[in-house]
Amino acid sequence: MRTTDLAFSGFVLLLGIGHAVMAAGMPQGSLKFPGPGYYPKLVGIFLIVTSLGCLIQALLGRGLDRAAKPATHAALRPMMGKTVALLGLLLGYGWLLTPLGFPIAICLFLVAAIRVFGYRNWAIIILIATGLTVASYLTFISWLKVPLPLGVVGDLLD
């Protein structure tokens, strides 16, 4: 049983419970007309469910951990490079969000992030990024009315 896996999963579980409890005190609205607590409640539930899954995995996988060898520095290098690349992409996304707008900035971020994490087929990358961009636009801008900057897309829609 890996203590760090259990500790992190427990921490995220507590975070999710706290998030859901705070969101429950806010007006929920309905699916058609969500209130300010609707989306935070969903995030809290998501955190609770995923952390419970990680806790179960950590508890059930304890026999496998004993046979596993500790990771070496050489094995961690590719993961560290991807982590640094993702941090750079997030900073770039934040920098481009206002001038380009949410739809273009998120699409560029997704294309680059999918590429960093190993997909090499450009058609698949563009299809996934475009689909997630449209889903994000419909969810956050059209449905939840989050006031995200639209940038160039906003100029085209006006």
Protein backbone atom coordinates (compact mmCIF):
# COMPACT_ATOMS: atom_id res chain seq x y z
CA MET A 1 0.00 0.00 0.00
CA ARG A 2 1.60 3.27 -1.07
CA THR A 3 1.23 5.82 1.65
CA THR A 4 1.56 8.74 -0.76
CA ASP A 5 -1.26 7.41 -2.99
CA LEU A 6 -3.53 6.99 0.02
CA ALA A 7 -2.62 10.39 1.46
CA PHE A 8 -3.14 12.21 -1.83
CA SER A 9 -6.42 10.41 -2.56
CA GLY A 10 -7.63 11.18 0.97
CA PHE A 11 -6.65 14.84 0.56
CA VAL A 12 -8.54 15.12 -2.74
CA LEU A 13 -11.53 13.35 -1.16
CA LEU A 14 -11.61 15.90 1.68
CA LEU A 15 -11.19 18.71 -0.84
CA GLY A 16 -14.10 17.35 -2.90
CA ILE A 17 -16.34 17.00 0.13
CA GLY A 18 -15.53 20.54 1.24
CA HIS A 19 -16.14 21.85 -2.27
CA ALA A 20 -19.50 20.05 -2.54
CA VAL A 21 -20.61 21.22 0.92
CA MET A 22 -19.79 24.86 0.13
CA ALA A 23 -21.52 24.61 -3.24
CA ALA A 24 -24.61 23.09 -1.59
CA GLY A 25 -25.07 26.37 0.30
CA MET A 26 -25.35 28.29 -2.97
CA PRO A 27 -28.45 28.54 -5.16
CA GLN A 28 -28.47 25.46 -7.42
CA GLY A 29 -31.00 26.36 -10.08
CA SER A 30 -31.87 23.61 -12.53
CA LEU A 31 -30.29 21.86 -15.49
CA LYS A 32 -31.97 24.32 -17.86
CA PHE A 33 -31.18 27.40 -15.74
CA PRO A 34 -28.17 26.57 -13.54
CA GLY A 35 -27.51 28.71 -10.51
CA PRO A 36 -24.09 29.76 -9.21
CA GLY A 37 -23.77 26.57 -7.15
CA TYR A 38 -24.68 24.11 -9.89
CA TYR A 39 -21.30 23.74 -11.58
CA PRO A 40 -19.25 23.85 -8.33
CA LYS A 41 -21.47 21.07 -6.95
CA LEU A 42 -20.70 18.96 -10.04
CA VAL A 43 -16.97 19.61 -9.59
CA GLY A 44 -17.20 18.53 -5.93
CA ILE A 45 -19.02 15.33 -6.89
CA PHE A 46 -16.44 14.63 -9.60
CA LEU A 47 -13.60 15.09 -7.10
CA ILE A 48 -15.30 12.77 -4.61
CA VAL A 49 -15.93 10.02 -7.17
CA THR A 50 -12.45 10.14 -8.70
CA SER A 51 -10.68 10.25 -5.34
CA LEU A 52 -12.72 7.26 -4.12
CA GLY A 53 -11.64 5.40 -7.26
CA CYS A 54 -8.00 6.27 -6.55
CA LEU A 55 -8.36 5.18 -2.91
CA ILE A 56 -9.82 1.84 -3.96
CA GLN A 57 -7.06 1.38 -6.52
CA ALA A 58 -4.39 2.19 -3.92
CA LEU A 59 -5.89 -0.26 -1.44
CA LEU A 60 -6.41 -3.09 -3.94
CA GLY A 61 -3.06 -2.61 -5.66
CA ARG A 62 -1.00 -3.06 -2.50
CA GLY A 63 0.27 -6.53 -3.45
CA LEU A 64 1.53 -5.21 -6.77
CA ASP A 65 3.45 -2.40 -5.08
CA ARG A 66 5.75 -4.76 -3.22
CA ALA A 67 7.02 -6.26 -6.46
CA ALA A 68 7.46 -2.90 -8.17
CA LYS A 69 10.92 -1.41 -8.32
CA PRO A 70 11.41 2.20 -7.28
CA ALA A 71 11.54 4.66 -10.16
CA THR A 72 14.99 5.83 -11.19
CA HIS A 73 15.92 9.35 -12.16
CA ALA A 74 16.24 8.27 -15.80
CA ALA A 75 12.70 6.86 -15.74
CA LEU A 76 11.33 10.10 -14.29
CA ARG A 77 13.00 12.39 -16.85
CA PRO A 78 10.38 12.00 -19.65
CA MET A 79 7.56 12.56 -17.17
CA MET A 80 9.30 15.64 -15.79
CA GLY A 81 9.72 17.03 -19.31
CA LYS A 82 6.01 16.57 -20.03
CA THR A 83 5.13 18.24 -16.74
CA VAL A 84 7.31 21.26 -17.54
CA ALA A 85 5.87 21.38 -21.08
CA LEU A 86 2.33 21.32 -19.70
CA LEU A 87 3.16 24.14 -17.29
CA GLY A 88 4.54 26.18 -20.21
CA LEU A 89 1.41 25.46 -22.24
CA LEU A 90 -0.82 26.58 -19.36
CA LEU A 91 1.16 29.82 -19.04
CA GLY A 92 0.89 30.35 -22.80
CA TYR A 93 -2.86 29.70 -22.64
CA GLY A 94 -3.25 32.30 -19.90
CA TRP A 95 -1.18 34.79 -21.88
CA LEU A 96 -3.18 34.24 -25.11
CA LEU A 97 -6.64 34.05 -23.52
CA THR A 98 -7.47 37.75 -23.67
CA PRO A 99 -5.97 38.73 -27.05
CA LEU A 100 -7.11 35.63 -28.98
CA GLY A 101 -10.17 34.76 -26.93
CA PHE A 102 -11.27 31.59 -25.18
CA PRO A 103 -12.16 29.43 -28.21
CA ILE A 104 -8.90 29.95 -30.11
CA ALA A 105 -6.68 29.87 -27.01
CA ILE A 106 -8.23 26.65 -25.68
CA CYS A 107 -8.05 24.98 -29.09
CA LEU A 108 -4.36 25.86 -29.47
CA PHE A 109 -3.67 24.67 -25.92
CA LEU A 110 -5.45 21.36 -26.55
CA VAL A 111 -3.64 20.73 -29.84
CA ALA A 112 -0.26 21.33 -28.18
CA ALA A 113 -1.11 19.36 -25.01
CA ILE A 114 -2.40 16.35 -26.95
CA ARG A 115 0.77 16.42 -29.06
CA VAL A 116 3.01 16.67 -25.96
CA PHE A 117 1.32 13.65 -24.41
CA GLY A 118 2.05 11.40 -27.34
CA TYR A 119 -0.53 11.51 -30.10
CA ARG A 120 1.16 11.84 -33.48
CA ASN A 121 -1.78 11.66 -35.90
CA TRP A 122 -2.62 15.29 -36.72
CA ALA A 123 -6.13 14.46 -37.96
CA ILE A 124 -7.00 12.85 -34.60
CA ILE A 125 -5.36 15.69 -32.66
CA ILE A 126 -7.32 18.37 -34.53
CA LEU A 127 -10.56 16.39 -34.29
CA ILE A 128 -10.22 15.92 -30.51
CA ALA A 129 -9.16 19.54 -29.91
CA THR A 130 -11.97 20.92 -32.06
CA GLY A 131 -14.57 18.69 -30.40
CA LEU A 132 -13.42 19.67 -26.91
CA THR A 133 -13.34 23.35 -27.90
CA VAL A 134 -16.92 23.23 -29.18
CA ALA A 135 -18.06 21.33 -26.06
CA SER A 136 -16.29 23.88 -23.83
CA TYR A 137 -17.81 26.80 -25.72
CA LEU A 138 -21.31 25.36 -25.51
CA THR A 139 -20.91 24.46 -21.83
CA PHE A 140 -19.24 27.57 -20.45
CA ILE A 141 -20.32 30.38 -22.75
CA SER A 142 -23.70 29.30 -24.13
CA TRP A 143 -25.12 27.25 -21.26
CA LEU A 144 -23.46 28.51 -18.05
CA LYS A 145 -23.03 32.10 -19.33
CA VAL A 146 -19.47 32.38 -18.01
CA PRO A 147 -18.10 35.74 -19.20
CA LEU A 148 -14.97 34.46 -20.92
CA PRO A 149 -13.17 36.70 -23.41
CA LEU A 150 -14.13 35.83 -26.99
CA GLY A 151 -11.38 37.81 -28.72
CA VAL A 152 -11.37 37.31 -32.49
CA VAL A 153 -14.37 34.97 -32.37
CA GLY A 154 -16.39 37.65 -30.58
CA ASP A 155 -15.50 40.14 -33.28
CA LEU A 156 -16.70 37.71 -35.95
CA LEU A 157 -19.97 37.01 -34.11
CA ASP A 158 -20.82 40.72 -33.68
